[in-house]
Amino acid sequence: MKKVFYCPACSYVGAAEENEDHLCPKCGQRILYNTGMERDAYVALSPEEKAVAAARWQDECAWLPGKAPAPIAASGGNRIAGMLKILGIIVYVLAAVGGLILMGDELAVGIVVLVSGLISGTMFLGFGEIVRLLDVISKKN
């Protein structure tokens, strides 16, 4: 019985025997995804059901070993992560300006402001990156 195979590279859907060499006739990709569906069952589907099945297979192919995951919806990123990154850069700039100004009066105070600004800015940037990564992880599931 022929099974339905799906090509994640070009979205080609075709039927073949399971023991055949699965080469996509459309793009030439060597390994096609075995959907597990029989050809007759696929032919009986409506066009809407076929589109839903193809979308599901595309998602399943994203998690196969050696495949790059499907891109996450470009919603502009996480606002909190972006704000933390901007805040970190602002802290760097203000600490550098303030530290350089204060170094003219007292060297020790200027150095303390520079070092504390460097540490604070780095923490904001780090927290922003953590929030961004957690957002990416939560959108994958």
N, C-alpha and C. Protein backbone atom coordinates (compact mmCIF):
# COMPACT_ATOMS: atom_id res chain seq x y z
N MET A 1 0.84 -1.18 0.00
CA MET A 1 0.00 0.00 0.00
C MET A 1 0.89 1.24 0.00
N LYS A 2 0.57 2.21 -0.82
CA LYS A 2 1.38 3.43 -0.91
C LYS A 2 1.07 4.37 0.25
N LYS A 3 2.12 5.00 0.74
CA LYS A 3 2.01 5.97 1.83
C LYS A 3 2.23 7.36 1.26
N VAL A 4 1.73 8.37 1.98
CA VAL A 4 1.88 9.76 1.58
C VAL A 4 3.18 10.29 2.18
N PHE A 5 3.97 10.93 1.32
CA PHE A 5 5.23 11.55 1.76
C PHE A 5 5.15 13.04 1.51
N TYR A 6 5.80 13.81 2.39
CA TYR A 6 5.75 15.27 2.34
C TYR A 6 7.17 15.83 2.28
N CYS A 7 7.39 16.82 1.41
CA CYS A 7 8.69 17.46 1.30
C CYS A 7 8.65 18.78 2.08
N PRO A 8 9.41 18.90 3.16
CA PRO A 8 9.38 20.14 3.94
C PRO A 8 10.03 21.32 3.22
N ALA A 9 10.85 21.06 2.23
CA ALA A 9 11.53 22.14 1.53
C ALA A 9 10.60 22.87 0.57
N CYS A 10 9.75 22.13 -0.15
CA CYS A 10 8.91 22.77 -1.18
C CYS A 10 7.42 22.46 -1.00
N SER A 11 7.05 21.75 0.06
CA SER A 11 5.66 21.40 0.38
C SER A 11 5.02 20.44 -0.63
N TYR A 12 5.83 19.68 -1.33
CA TYR A 12 5.31 18.68 -2.27
C TYR A 12 4.72 17.52 -1.49
N VAL A 13 3.56 17.04 -1.93
CA VAL A 13 2.93 15.87 -1.33
C VAL A 13 2.81 14.81 -2.43
N GLY A 14 3.31 13.62 -2.14
CA GLY A 14 3.26 12.54 -3.11
C GLY A 14 3.13 11.20 -2.42
N ALA A 15 2.84 10.19 -3.19
CA ALA A 15 2.68 8.85 -2.65
C ALA A 15 3.76 7.93 -3.20
N ALA A 16 4.22 7.02 -2.36
CA ALA A 16 5.25 6.05 -2.77
C ALA A 16 5.20 4.87 -1.81
N GLU A 17 5.83 3.80 -2.23
CA GLU A 17 5.97 2.64 -1.35
C GLU A 17 6.99 3.00 -0.27
N GLU A 18 6.84 2.41 0.89
CA GLU A 18 7.73 2.76 2.00
C GLU A 18 9.17 2.36 1.75
N ASN A 19 9.41 1.32 0.97
CA ASN A 19 10.78 0.85 0.76
C ASN A 19 11.45 1.50 -0.45
N GLU A 20 10.77 2.42 -1.14
CA GLU A 20 11.37 3.10 -2.29
C GLU A 20 12.29 4.23 -1.84
N ASP A 21 13.16 4.66 -2.77
CA ASP A 21 13.99 5.83 -2.53
C ASP A 21 13.08 7.06 -2.62
N HIS A 22 13.07 7.86 -1.58
CA HIS A 22 12.15 8.99 -1.52
C HIS A 22 12.88 10.27 -1.92
N LEU A 23 12.82 10.57 -3.20
CA LEU A 23 13.45 11.76 -3.77
C LEU A 23 12.33 12.68 -4.26
N CYS A 24 12.34 13.92 -3.81
CA CYS A 24 11.30 14.86 -4.20
C CYS A 24 11.44 15.21 -5.69
N PRO A 25 10.40 14.98 -6.47
CA PRO A 25 10.50 15.30 -7.90
C PRO A 25 10.46 16.79 -8.18
N LYS A 26 10.04 17.57 -7.21
CA LYS A 26 9.90 19.01 -7.41
C LYS A 26 11.20 19.77 -7.11
N CYS A 27 11.84 19.45 -5.96
CA CYS A 27 13.05 20.19 -5.58
C CYS A 27 14.30 19.32 -5.47
N GLY A 28 14.13 18.00 -5.50
CA GLY A 28 15.28 17.10 -5.46
C GLY A 28 15.79 16.75 -4.08
N GLN A 29 15.07 17.15 -3.03
CA GLN A 29 15.50 16.81 -1.67
C GLN A 29 15.49 15.29 -1.51
N ARG A 30 16.50 14.75 -0.87
CA ARG A 30 16.68 13.30 -0.76
C ARG A 30 15.66 12.62 0.15
N ILE A 31 15.41 13.16 1.31
CA ILE A 31 14.58 12.45 2.28
C ILE A 31 13.26 13.18 2.44
N LEU A 32 12.18 12.49 2.17
CA LEU A 32 10.86 13.05 2.36
C LEU A 32 10.30 12.55 3.68
N TYR A 33 9.41 13.33 4.26
CA TYR A 33 8.79 12.99 5.54
C TYR A 33 7.65 12.01 5.32
N ASN A 34 7.72 10.85 5.99
CA ASN A 34 6.66 9.85 5.91
C ASN A 34 5.54 10.29 6.85
N THR A 35 4.39 10.65 6.27
CA THR A 35 3.28 11.15 7.08
C THR A 35 2.54 10.04 7.81
N GLY A 36 2.71 8.80 7.36
CA GLY A 36 2.00 7.69 7.98
C GLY A 36 0.60 7.52 7.43
N MET A 37 0.17 8.42 6.57
CA MET A 37 -1.17 8.35 5.98
C MET A 37 -1.12 7.53 4.68
N GLU A 38 -2.14 6.73 4.48
CA GLU A 38 -2.21 5.98 3.23
C GLU A 38 -2.71 6.87 2.11
N ARG A 39 -2.30 6.55 0.88
CA ARG A 39 -2.62 7.37 -0.28
C ARG A 39 -4.13 7.52 -0.46
N ASP A 40 -4.87 6.43 -0.33
CA ASP A 40 -6.32 6.47 -0.54
C ASP A 40 -7.01 7.40 0.47
N ALA A 41 -6.53 7.38 1.71
CA ALA A 41 -7.11 8.25 2.73
C ALA A 41 -6.83 9.72 2.41
N TYR A 42 -5.63 10.01 1.87
CA TYR A 42 -5.29 11.38 1.51
C TYR A 42 -6.13 11.87 0.33
N VAL A 43 -6.34 11.01 -0.66
CA VAL A 43 -7.12 11.38 -1.84
C VAL A 43 -8.57 11.69 -1.44
N ALA A 44 -9.08 11.03 -0.41
CA ALA A 44 -10.46 11.22 0.02
C ALA A 44 -10.66 12.55 0.78
N LEU A 45 -9.59 13.22 1.17
CA LEU A 45 -9.71 14.47 1.93
C LEU A 45 -10.17 15.60 1.03
N SER A 46 -10.87 16.56 1.65
CA SER A 46 -11.26 17.78 0.93
C SER A 46 -10.04 18.69 0.79
N PRO A 47 -10.08 19.68 -0.09
CA PRO A 47 -8.94 20.60 -0.22
C PRO A 47 -8.58 21.31 1.09
N GLU A 48 -9.60 21.67 1.88
CA GLU A 48 -9.33 22.33 3.17
C GLU A 48 -8.61 21.37 4.13
N GLU A 49 -9.06 20.11 4.15
CA GLU A 49 -8.43 19.12 5.02
C GLU A 49 -7.00 18.83 4.57
N LYS A 50 -6.77 18.85 3.26
CA LYS A 50 -5.41 18.65 2.74
C LYS A 50 -4.50 19.80 3.16
N ALA A 51 -5.01 21.03 3.14
CA ALA A 51 -4.22 22.19 3.56
C ALA A 51 -3.88 22.11 5.04
N VAL A 52 -4.84 21.69 5.86
CA VAL A 52 -4.60 21.54 7.29
C VAL A 52 -3.56 20.45 7.55
N ALA A 53 -3.67 19.35 6.81
CA ALA A 53 -2.71 18.25 6.97
C ALA A 53 -1.31 18.70 6.56
N ALA A 54 -1.20 19.45 5.46
CA ALA A 54 0.11 19.92 5.01
C ALA A 54 0.72 20.87 6.03
N ALA A 55 -0.10 21.73 6.65
CA ALA A 55 0.42 22.64 7.68
C ALA A 55 0.91 21.84 8.89
N ARG A 56 0.18 20.80 9.27
CA ARG A 56 0.59 19.97 10.40
C ARG A 56 1.90 19.25 10.10
N TRP A 57 2.03 18.75 8.87
CA TRP A 57 3.26 18.05 8.48
C TRP A 57 4.44 19.01 8.47
N GLN A 58 4.21 20.24 8.03
CA GLN A 58 5.29 21.24 8.03
C GLN A 58 5.77 21.48 9.46
N ASP A 59 4.83 21.59 10.41
CA ASP A 59 5.20 21.78 11.82
C ASP A 59 5.97 20.57 12.34
N GLU A 60 5.52 19.37 11.99
CA GLU A 60 6.19 18.15 12.45
C GLU A 60 7.60 18.06 11.88
N CYS A 61 7.77 18.49 10.63
CA CYS A 61 9.09 18.43 10.00
C CYS A 61 10.07 19.38 10.66
N ALA A 62 9.58 20.44 11.25
CA ALA A 62 10.46 21.41 11.89
C ALA A 62 11.19 20.80 13.08
N TRP A 63 10.63 19.77 13.68
CA TRP A 63 11.24 19.16 14.87
C TRP A 63 12.06 17.92 14.55
N LEU A 64 12.18 17.55 13.28
CA LEU A 64 12.98 16.39 12.93
C LEU A 64 14.46 16.68 13.15
N PRO A 65 15.25 15.69 13.57
CA PRO A 65 16.69 15.90 13.75
C PRO A 65 17.33 16.34 12.44
N GLY A 66 18.19 17.35 12.53
CA GLY A 66 18.91 17.83 11.36
C GLY A 66 18.14 18.87 10.57
N LYS A 67 16.93 19.17 10.98
CA LYS A 67 16.13 20.17 10.29
C LYS A 67 16.14 21.45 11.13
N ALA A 68 16.19 22.56 10.47
CA ALA A 68 16.09 23.83 11.19
C ALA A 68 14.64 24.03 11.59
N PRO A 69 14.39 24.48 12.82
CA PRO A 69 13.02 24.69 13.22
C PRO A 69 12.37 25.81 12.41
N ALA A 70 11.07 25.72 12.26
CA ALA A 70 10.35 26.74 11.52
C ALA A 70 10.50 28.07 12.23
N PRO A 71 10.59 29.15 11.47
CA PRO A 71 10.75 30.44 12.12
C PRO A 71 9.55 30.78 12.97
N ILE A 72 9.82 31.42 14.08
CA ILE A 72 8.75 31.82 14.98
C ILE A 72 8.08 33.06 14.40
N ALA A 73 6.81 33.17 14.60
CA ALA A 73 6.06 34.29 14.03
C ALA A 73 6.73 35.61 14.37
N ALA A 74 6.95 36.40 13.36
CA ALA A 74 7.63 37.69 13.54
C ALA A 74 6.63 38.71 14.03
N SER A 75 6.41 38.74 15.33
CA SER A 75 5.45 39.66 15.91
C SER A 75 6.15 40.92 16.41
N GLY A 76 7.38 41.11 16.03
CA GLY A 76 8.11 42.28 16.49
C GLY A 76 8.92 42.00 17.75
N GLY A 77 8.93 40.78 18.20
CA GLY A 77 9.71 40.43 19.38
C GLY A 77 8.97 40.75 20.67
N ASN A 78 9.64 40.54 21.77
CA ASN A 78 9.07 40.77 23.07
C ASN A 78 9.38 42.20 23.49
N ARG A 79 8.36 42.96 23.87
CA ARG A 79 8.56 44.37 24.23
C ARG A 79 9.40 44.53 25.49
N ILE A 80 9.18 43.66 26.47
CA ILE A 80 9.92 43.76 27.72
C ILE A 80 11.41 43.54 27.45
N ALA A 81 11.73 42.54 26.64
CA ALA A 81 13.13 42.27 26.31
C ALA A 81 13.75 43.47 25.60
N GLY A 82 13.02 44.07 24.69
CA GLY A 82 13.51 45.25 23.98
C GLY A 82 13.73 46.43 24.91
N MET A 83 12.79 46.63 25.84
CA MET A 83 12.93 47.74 26.79
C MET A 83 14.11 47.52 27.73
N LEU A 84 14.33 46.30 28.17
CA LEU A 84 15.48 46.01 29.03
C LEU A 84 16.79 46.24 28.30
N LYS A 85 16.84 45.90 27.03
CA LYS A 85 18.05 46.13 26.23
C LYS A 85 18.32 47.63 26.08
N ILE A 86 17.28 48.38 25.77
CA ILE A 86 17.44 49.84 25.64
C ILE A 86 17.84 50.45 26.98
N LEU A 87 17.24 49.99 28.06
CA LEU A 87 17.59 50.50 29.38
C LEU A 87 19.05 50.19 29.73
N GLY A 88 19.52 49.02 29.36
CA GLY A 88 20.92 48.67 29.59
C GLY A 88 21.86 49.59 28.83
N ILE A 89 21.53 49.91 27.60
CA ILE A 89 22.37 50.82 26.81
C ILE A 89 22.34 52.22 27.39
N ILE A 90 21.17 52.67 27.85
CA ILE A 90 21.06 53.99 28.48
C ILE A 90 21.92 54.04 29.75
N VAL A 91 21.88 52.97 30.54
CA VAL A 91 22.70 52.93 31.77
C VAL A 91 24.18 53.00 31.41
N TYR A 92 24.61 52.30 30.36
CA TYR A 92 26.01 52.38 29.91
C TYR A 92 26.40 53.81 29.57
N VAL A 93 25.56 54.47 28.78
CA VAL A 93 25.88 55.83 28.32
C VAL A 93 25.91 56.80 29.49
N LEU A 94 24.88 56.74 30.34
CA LEU A 94 24.83 57.67 31.48
C LEU A 94 25.97 57.42 32.45
N ALA A 95 26.32 56.18 32.69
CA ALA A 95 27.42 55.87 33.60
C ALA A 95 28.74 56.35 33.02
N ALA A 96 28.93 56.20 31.71
CA ALA A 96 30.17 56.67 31.09
C ALA A 96 30.28 58.18 31.17
N VAL A 97 29.19 58.88 30.85
CA VAL A 97 29.22 60.35 30.89
C VAL A 97 29.40 60.82 32.33
N GLY A 98 28.57 60.26 33.24
CA GLY A 98 28.68 60.67 34.64
C GLY A 98 30.03 60.33 35.25
N GLY A 99 30.54 59.16 34.94
CA GLY A 99 31.84 58.75 35.48
C GLY A 99 32.96 59.64 34.98
N LEU A 100 32.92 59.99 33.70
CA LEU A 100 33.97 60.86 33.15
C LEU A 100 33.89 62.27 33.73
N ILE A 101 32.68 62.77 33.95
CA ILE A 101 32.52 64.10 34.55
C ILE A 101 33.02 64.09 35.99
N LEU A 102 32.65 63.05 36.74
CA LEU A 102 33.04 62.98 38.15
C LEU A 102 34.53 62.69 38.33
N MET A 103 35.17 62.11 37.33
CA MET A 103 36.61 61.85 37.44
C MET A 103 37.41 63.15 37.51
N GLY A 104 36.84 64.22 36.97
CA GLY A 104 37.52 65.52 37.05
C GLY A 104 37.59 66.03 38.47
N ASP A 105 36.55 65.77 39.25
CA ASP A 105 36.53 66.23 40.64
C ASP A 105 37.22 65.23 41.57
N GLU A 106 36.73 64.00 41.56
CA GLU A 106 37.31 62.96 42.41
C GLU A 106 37.43 61.68 41.61
N LEU A 107 38.64 61.19 41.50
CA LEU A 107 38.93 60.02 40.68
C LEU A 107 38.21 58.77 41.19
N ALA A 108 38.21 58.56 42.51
CA ALA A 108 37.62 57.35 43.08
C ALA A 108 36.11 57.30 42.82
N VAL A 109 35.43 58.43 42.97
CA VAL A 109 33.99 58.47 42.75
C VAL A 109 33.67 58.20 41.27
N GLY A 110 34.45 58.76 40.36
CA GLY A 110 34.25 58.54 38.93
C GLY A 110 34.42 57.08 38.55
N ILE A 111 35.43 56.42 39.14
CA ILE A 111 35.67 55.01 38.86
C ILE A 111 34.52 54.15 39.41
N VAL A 112 34.03 54.48 40.59
CA VAL A 112 32.90 53.74 41.18
C VAL A 112 31.66 53.87 40.29
N VAL A 113 31.40 55.08 39.79
CA VAL A 113 30.24 55.28 38.92
C VAL A 113 30.41 54.49 37.63
N LEU A 114 31.61 54.49 37.03
CA LEU A 114 31.85 53.72 35.81
C LEU A 114 31.64 52.23 36.02
N VAL A 115 32.22 51.70 37.09
CA VAL A 115 32.13 50.26 37.35
C VAL A 115 30.69 49.85 37.68
N SER A 116 30.02 50.65 38.51
CA SER A 116 28.63 50.30 38.85
C SER A 116 27.72 50.43 37.63
N GLY A 117 27.98 51.39 36.76
CA GLY A 117 27.20 51.51 35.53
C GLY A 117 27.45 50.34 34.60
N LEU A 118 28.70 49.89 34.53
CA LEU A 118 29.03 48.74 33.70
C LEU A 118 28.31 47.48 34.20
N ILE A 119 28.33 47.28 35.50
CA ILE A 119 27.66 46.12 36.08
C ILE A 119 26.15 46.21 35.90
N SER A 120 25.56 47.37 36.18
CA SER A 120 24.11 47.53 36.06
C SER A 120 23.65 47.37 34.62
N GLY A 121 24.35 48.01 33.69
CA GLY A 121 23.99 47.90 32.28
C GLY A 121 24.07 46.47 31.78
N THR A 122 25.11 45.76 32.20
CA THR A 122 25.28 44.37 31.80
C THR A 122 24.15 43.51 32.35
N MET A 123 23.72 43.79 33.57
CA MET A 123 22.61 43.02 34.15
C MET A 123 21.31 43.28 33.39
N PHE A 124 21.05 44.52 33.02
CA PHE A 124 19.85 44.82 32.23
C PHE A 124 19.90 44.09 30.88
N LEU A 125 21.04 44.14 30.21
CA LEU A 125 21.18 43.45 28.92
C LEU A 125 21.00 41.94 29.10
N GLY A 126 21.56 41.39 30.16
CA GLY A 126 21.43 39.96 30.42
C GLY A 126 19.99 39.56 30.70
N PHE A 127 19.30 40.33 31.53
CA PHE A 127 17.90 40.01 31.81
C PHE A 127 17.04 40.15 30.55
N GLY A 128 17.35 41.13 29.73
CA GLY A 128 16.63 41.28 28.47
C GLY A 128 16.80 40.07 27.58
N GLU A 129 18.03 39.55 27.51
CA GLU A 129 18.29 38.36 26.69
C GLU A 129 17.58 37.13 27.26
N ILE A 130 17.55 37.01 28.58
CA ILE A 130 16.85 35.89 29.22
C ILE A 130 15.36 35.95 28.90
N VAL A 131 14.77 37.14 28.99
CA VAL A 131 13.34 37.29 28.68
C VAL A 131 13.08 36.95 27.22
N ARG A 132 13.96 37.40 26.31
CA ARG A 132 13.80 37.11 24.89
C ARG A 132 13.85 35.60 24.62
N LEU A 133 14.83 34.92 25.24
CA LEU A 133 14.96 33.47 25.05
C LEU A 133 13.78 32.71 25.62
N LEU A 134 13.28 33.13 26.78
CA LEU A 134 12.11 32.47 27.35
C LEU A 134 10.88 32.68 26.47
N ASP A 135 10.78 33.84 25.86
CA ASP A 135 9.67 34.11 24.94
C ASP A 135 9.76 33.19 23.72
N VAL A 136 10.96 33.01 23.19
CA VAL A 136 11.15 32.11 22.04
C VAL A 136 10.78 30.69 22.41
N ILE A 137 11.22 30.24 23.58
CA ILE A 137 10.91 28.88 24.04
C ILE A 137 9.41 28.70 24.22
N SER A 138 8.74 29.69 24.81
CA SER A 138 7.30 29.55 25.04
C SER A 138 6.51 29.54 23.75
N LYS A 139 7.00 30.20 22.70
CA LYS A 139 6.27 30.21 21.43
C LYS A 139 6.50 28.94 20.61
N LYS A 140 7.51 28.16 20.95
CA LYS A 140 7.76 26.91 20.22
C LYS A 140 6.75 25.84 20.60
N ASN A 141 6.21 25.90 21.79
CA ASN A 141 5.30 24.85 22.25
C ASN A 141 3.88 25.17 21.97
